[in-house]
N, C-alpha and C. Protein backbone atom coordinates (compact mmCIF):
# COMPACT_ATOMS: atom_id res chain seq x y z
N MET A 1 0.80 -1.18 -0.02
CA MET A 1 0.01 -0.01 -0.02
C MET A 1 0.86 1.27 0.02
N PRO A 2 1.97 1.36 0.73
CA PRO A 2 2.75 2.57 0.70
C PRO A 2 3.30 2.92 -0.69
N ALA A 3 3.62 1.89 -1.50
CA ALA A 3 4.11 2.14 -2.84
C ALA A 3 3.01 2.81 -3.67
N ALA A 4 1.76 2.40 -3.44
CA ALA A 4 0.66 3.02 -4.21
C ALA A 4 0.49 4.48 -3.79
N HIS A 5 0.71 4.78 -2.50
CA HIS A 5 0.58 6.18 -2.04
C HIS A 5 1.71 7.03 -2.63
N ALA A 6 2.92 6.48 -2.70
CA ALA A 6 4.05 7.19 -3.28
C ALA A 6 3.79 7.48 -4.76
N ALA A 7 3.28 6.50 -5.46
CA ALA A 7 3.01 6.71 -6.90
C ALA A 7 1.92 7.75 -7.11
N ALA A 8 0.91 7.70 -6.21
CA ALA A 8 -0.19 8.70 -6.33
C ALA A 8 0.30 10.10 -6.01
N ALA A 9 1.21 10.18 -5.01
CA ALA A 9 1.75 11.50 -4.65
C ALA A 9 2.60 12.05 -5.76
N ALA A 10 3.40 11.19 -6.43
CA ALA A 10 4.21 11.68 -7.54
C ALA A 10 3.35 12.10 -8.70
N THR A 11 2.25 11.39 -8.93
CA THR A 11 1.34 11.77 -10.04
C THR A 11 0.69 13.14 -9.71
N ASN A 12 0.23 13.28 -8.46
CA ASN A 12 -0.39 14.55 -8.05
C ASN A 12 0.62 15.67 -8.08
N ALA A 13 1.86 15.45 -7.79
CA ALA A 13 2.89 16.49 -7.82
C ALA A 13 3.09 17.00 -9.23
N HIS A 14 3.13 16.03 -10.19
CA HIS A 14 3.28 16.42 -11.58
C HIS A 14 2.05 17.16 -12.08
N ALA A 15 0.87 16.77 -11.62
CA ALA A 15 -0.35 17.41 -12.02
C ALA A 15 -0.42 18.85 -11.51
N ARG A 16 0.17 19.11 -10.38
CA ARG A 16 0.19 20.49 -9.82
C ARG A 16 1.31 21.31 -10.40
N GLY A 17 2.17 20.75 -11.17
CA GLY A 17 3.24 21.50 -11.81
C GLY A 17 4.54 21.47 -11.06
N ARG A 18 4.64 20.67 -9.97
CA ARG A 18 5.90 20.59 -9.25
C ARG A 18 6.78 19.54 -9.93
N LYS A 19 8.06 19.87 -10.00
CA LYS A 19 9.01 18.93 -10.57
C LYS A 19 9.52 18.03 -9.45
N GLU A 20 9.74 16.80 -9.80
CA GLU A 20 10.39 15.85 -8.89
C GLU A 20 11.90 15.90 -9.22
N TYR A 21 12.70 16.02 -8.19
CA TYR A 21 14.14 16.02 -8.43
C TYR A 21 14.75 14.80 -7.77
N PRO A 22 15.94 14.44 -8.25
CA PRO A 22 16.55 13.17 -7.73
C PRO A 22 16.76 13.19 -6.24
N GLU A 23 16.43 12.10 -5.60
CA GLU A 23 16.61 11.98 -4.14
C GLU A 23 18.10 12.09 -3.75
N SER A 24 18.95 11.67 -4.68
CA SER A 24 20.39 11.70 -4.37
C SER A 24 20.85 13.14 -4.12
N MET A 25 20.22 14.10 -4.83
CA MET A 25 20.62 15.46 -4.68
C MET A 25 20.40 15.94 -3.23
N ARG A 26 19.31 15.52 -2.63
CA ARG A 26 19.02 15.84 -1.24
C ARG A 26 20.10 15.29 -0.32
N TYR A 27 20.52 14.04 -0.54
CA TYR A 27 21.53 13.43 0.33
C TYR A 27 22.89 14.08 0.13
N VAL A 28 23.21 14.52 -1.08
CA VAL A 28 24.46 15.21 -1.33
C VAL A 28 24.51 16.51 -0.55
N VAL A 29 23.39 17.29 -0.60
CA VAL A 29 23.35 18.57 0.08
C VAL A 29 23.45 18.39 1.59
N ILE A 30 22.74 17.42 2.13
CA ILE A 30 22.81 17.13 3.55
C ILE A 30 24.22 16.71 3.98
N ALA A 31 24.86 15.84 3.17
CA ALA A 31 26.22 15.40 3.46
C ALA A 31 27.21 16.62 3.44
N MET A 32 27.04 17.48 2.49
CA MET A 32 27.94 18.64 2.42
C MET A 32 27.72 19.54 3.62
N LEU A 33 26.47 19.77 4.04
CA LEU A 33 26.20 20.64 5.21
C LEU A 33 26.85 19.97 6.47
N LEU A 34 26.72 18.63 6.60
CA LEU A 34 27.33 17.98 7.72
C LEU A 34 28.84 18.11 7.73
N ALA A 35 29.44 18.03 6.51
CA ALA A 35 30.86 18.16 6.39
C ALA A 35 31.33 19.60 6.75
N ILE A 36 30.53 20.57 6.39
CA ILE A 36 30.87 21.94 6.68
C ILE A 36 30.79 22.15 8.24
N ILE A 37 29.76 21.64 8.85
CA ILE A 37 29.61 21.77 10.32
C ILE A 37 30.77 20.99 11.05
N ALA A 38 31.12 19.84 10.53
CA ALA A 38 32.20 19.06 11.10
C ALA A 38 33.54 19.82 10.99
N SER A 39 33.79 20.47 9.86
CA SER A 39 35.00 21.25 9.67
C SER A 39 35.05 22.43 10.60
N LEU A 40 33.90 23.08 10.80
CA LEU A 40 33.84 24.20 11.75
C LEU A 40 34.11 23.74 13.17
N ALA A 41 33.52 22.62 13.54
CA ALA A 41 33.73 22.08 14.87
C ALA A 41 35.21 21.69 15.08
N SER A 42 35.81 21.05 14.09
CA SER A 42 37.21 20.68 14.25
C SER A 42 38.13 21.94 14.34
N ALA A 43 37.76 23.02 13.63
CA ALA A 43 38.51 24.25 13.80
C ALA A 43 38.44 24.80 15.19
N ALA A 44 37.25 24.70 15.81
CA ALA A 44 37.08 25.16 17.19
C ALA A 44 37.92 24.33 18.15
N VAL A 45 37.91 23.02 17.90
CA VAL A 45 38.73 22.13 18.79
C VAL A 45 40.20 22.46 18.62
N PHE A 46 40.66 22.68 17.36
CA PHE A 46 42.09 23.00 17.18
C PHE A 46 42.45 24.32 17.78
N MET A 47 41.50 25.27 17.78
CA MET A 47 41.76 26.59 18.35
C MET A 47 42.03 26.45 19.86
N PHE A 48 41.21 25.67 20.55
CA PHE A 48 41.39 25.50 21.99
C PHE A 48 42.56 24.60 22.37
N ARG A 49 42.79 23.56 21.53
CA ARG A 49 43.81 22.59 21.87
C ARG A 49 45.21 23.07 21.59
N ASP A 50 45.41 23.75 20.42
CA ASP A 50 46.74 24.10 19.99
C ASP A 50 47.19 25.46 20.50
N ARG A 51 46.25 26.30 20.95
CA ARG A 51 46.56 27.65 21.46
C ARG A 51 47.41 28.46 20.46
N GLY A 52 47.11 28.32 19.20
CA GLY A 52 47.81 29.16 18.16
C GLY A 52 49.16 28.70 17.77
N GLN A 53 49.57 27.51 18.15
CA GLN A 53 50.89 27.01 17.84
C GLN A 53 50.99 26.26 16.53
N SER A 54 49.84 25.91 15.96
CA SER A 54 49.90 25.18 14.64
C SER A 54 48.91 25.82 13.70
N LYS A 55 48.92 25.38 12.45
CA LYS A 55 48.04 25.91 11.46
C LYS A 55 46.85 25.03 11.13
N ARG A 56 46.62 24.06 12.02
CA ARG A 56 45.46 23.15 11.79
C ARG A 56 44.13 23.87 11.74
N MET A 57 43.94 24.90 12.58
CA MET A 57 42.69 25.63 12.55
C MET A 57 42.51 26.36 11.28
N VAL A 58 43.57 26.99 10.76
CA VAL A 58 43.46 27.68 9.47
C VAL A 58 43.14 26.72 8.36
N LYS A 59 43.73 25.53 8.37
CA LYS A 59 43.42 24.54 7.34
C LYS A 59 41.97 24.08 7.41
N ALA A 60 41.48 23.88 8.64
CA ALA A 60 40.06 23.44 8.83
C ALA A 60 39.11 24.53 8.34
N LEU A 61 39.41 25.78 8.62
CA LEU A 61 38.53 26.89 8.18
C LEU A 61 38.59 27.03 6.65
N ALA A 62 39.80 26.85 6.09
CA ALA A 62 39.94 26.92 4.61
C ALA A 62 39.15 25.80 3.97
N LEU A 63 39.16 24.61 4.57
CA LEU A 63 38.37 23.52 4.06
C LEU A 63 36.88 23.80 4.12
N ARG A 64 36.45 24.46 5.22
CA ARG A 64 35.01 24.84 5.37
C ARG A 64 34.62 25.84 4.28
N VAL A 65 35.47 26.82 4.01
CA VAL A 65 35.18 27.77 2.95
C VAL A 65 35.10 27.09 1.57
N GLY A 66 36.05 26.17 1.33
CA GLY A 66 36.02 25.41 0.10
C GLY A 66 34.77 24.57 -0.06
N LEU A 67 34.33 23.92 1.04
CA LEU A 67 33.14 23.13 0.93
C LEU A 67 31.88 23.99 0.77
N SER A 68 31.87 25.18 1.36
CA SER A 68 30.75 26.07 1.21
C SER A 68 30.63 26.59 -0.20
N VAL A 69 31.75 26.97 -0.78
CA VAL A 69 31.71 27.44 -2.18
C VAL A 69 31.32 26.30 -3.14
N THR A 70 31.82 25.11 -2.85
CA THR A 70 31.46 23.94 -3.68
C THR A 70 29.98 23.65 -3.58
N LEU A 71 29.38 23.74 -2.37
CA LEU A 71 27.97 23.51 -2.23
C LEU A 71 27.16 24.58 -2.93
N PHE A 72 27.61 25.78 -2.83
CA PHE A 72 26.90 26.92 -3.55
C PHE A 72 26.90 26.68 -5.02
N LEU A 73 28.07 26.31 -5.58
CA LEU A 73 28.20 26.11 -7.04
C LEU A 73 27.35 24.88 -7.48
N MET A 74 27.31 23.86 -6.64
CA MET A 74 26.50 22.68 -6.96
C MET A 74 25.04 23.02 -6.97
N LEU A 75 24.57 23.83 -6.01
CA LEU A 75 23.15 24.26 -5.98
C LEU A 75 22.81 25.11 -7.20
N MET A 76 23.72 25.99 -7.54
CA MET A 76 23.50 26.87 -8.75
C MET A 76 23.43 25.99 -10.01
N ALA A 77 24.31 25.03 -10.13
CA ALA A 77 24.31 24.17 -11.29
C ALA A 77 23.04 23.29 -11.30
N GLY A 78 22.68 22.76 -10.17
CA GLY A 78 21.45 21.98 -10.09
C GLY A 78 20.21 22.75 -10.48
N TYR A 79 20.15 23.99 -10.08
CA TYR A 79 19.02 24.86 -10.50
C TYR A 79 19.08 25.13 -11.97
N TYR A 80 20.25 25.43 -12.52
CA TYR A 80 20.42 25.71 -13.92
C TYR A 80 20.01 24.52 -14.80
N PHE A 81 20.42 23.34 -14.44
CA PHE A 81 20.16 22.15 -15.21
C PHE A 81 18.79 21.52 -14.87
N GLY A 82 18.06 22.12 -14.00
CA GLY A 82 16.69 21.63 -13.72
C GLY A 82 16.57 20.52 -12.69
N LEU A 83 17.67 20.27 -11.99
CA LEU A 83 17.60 19.20 -10.96
C LEU A 83 16.90 19.74 -9.71
N ILE A 84 16.90 21.04 -9.50
CA ILE A 84 16.25 21.66 -8.37
C ILE A 84 15.12 22.54 -8.91
N PRO A 85 13.93 22.36 -8.39
CA PRO A 85 12.80 23.15 -8.91
C PRO A 85 12.91 24.62 -8.49
N GLY A 86 12.25 25.51 -9.27
CA GLY A 86 12.26 26.91 -8.95
C GLY A 86 11.46 27.23 -7.68
N ARG A 87 10.40 26.52 -7.47
CA ARG A 87 9.55 26.70 -6.27
C ARG A 87 9.69 25.48 -5.40
N LEU A 88 9.63 25.69 -4.10
CA LEU A 88 9.69 24.54 -3.21
C LEU A 88 8.32 24.15 -2.75
């Protein structure tokens, strides 16, 4: 029965004009957000543990910036290629 409900929901979504986008895109975005938060947390740990004696905090923050820019570019590309709908 749940499969029938899922099929009916997908049919109704298309009838209302909403696009269905790949489920994998949702998981990629969530994984990227978790990686960004983990990098930020590791930078905080390095800040307190190293007391400014190493560059591990700078590397963790640089990684966080790189992941954020990559996520932004992926979202822009997904919207451009139609993987992400214009309206939510």
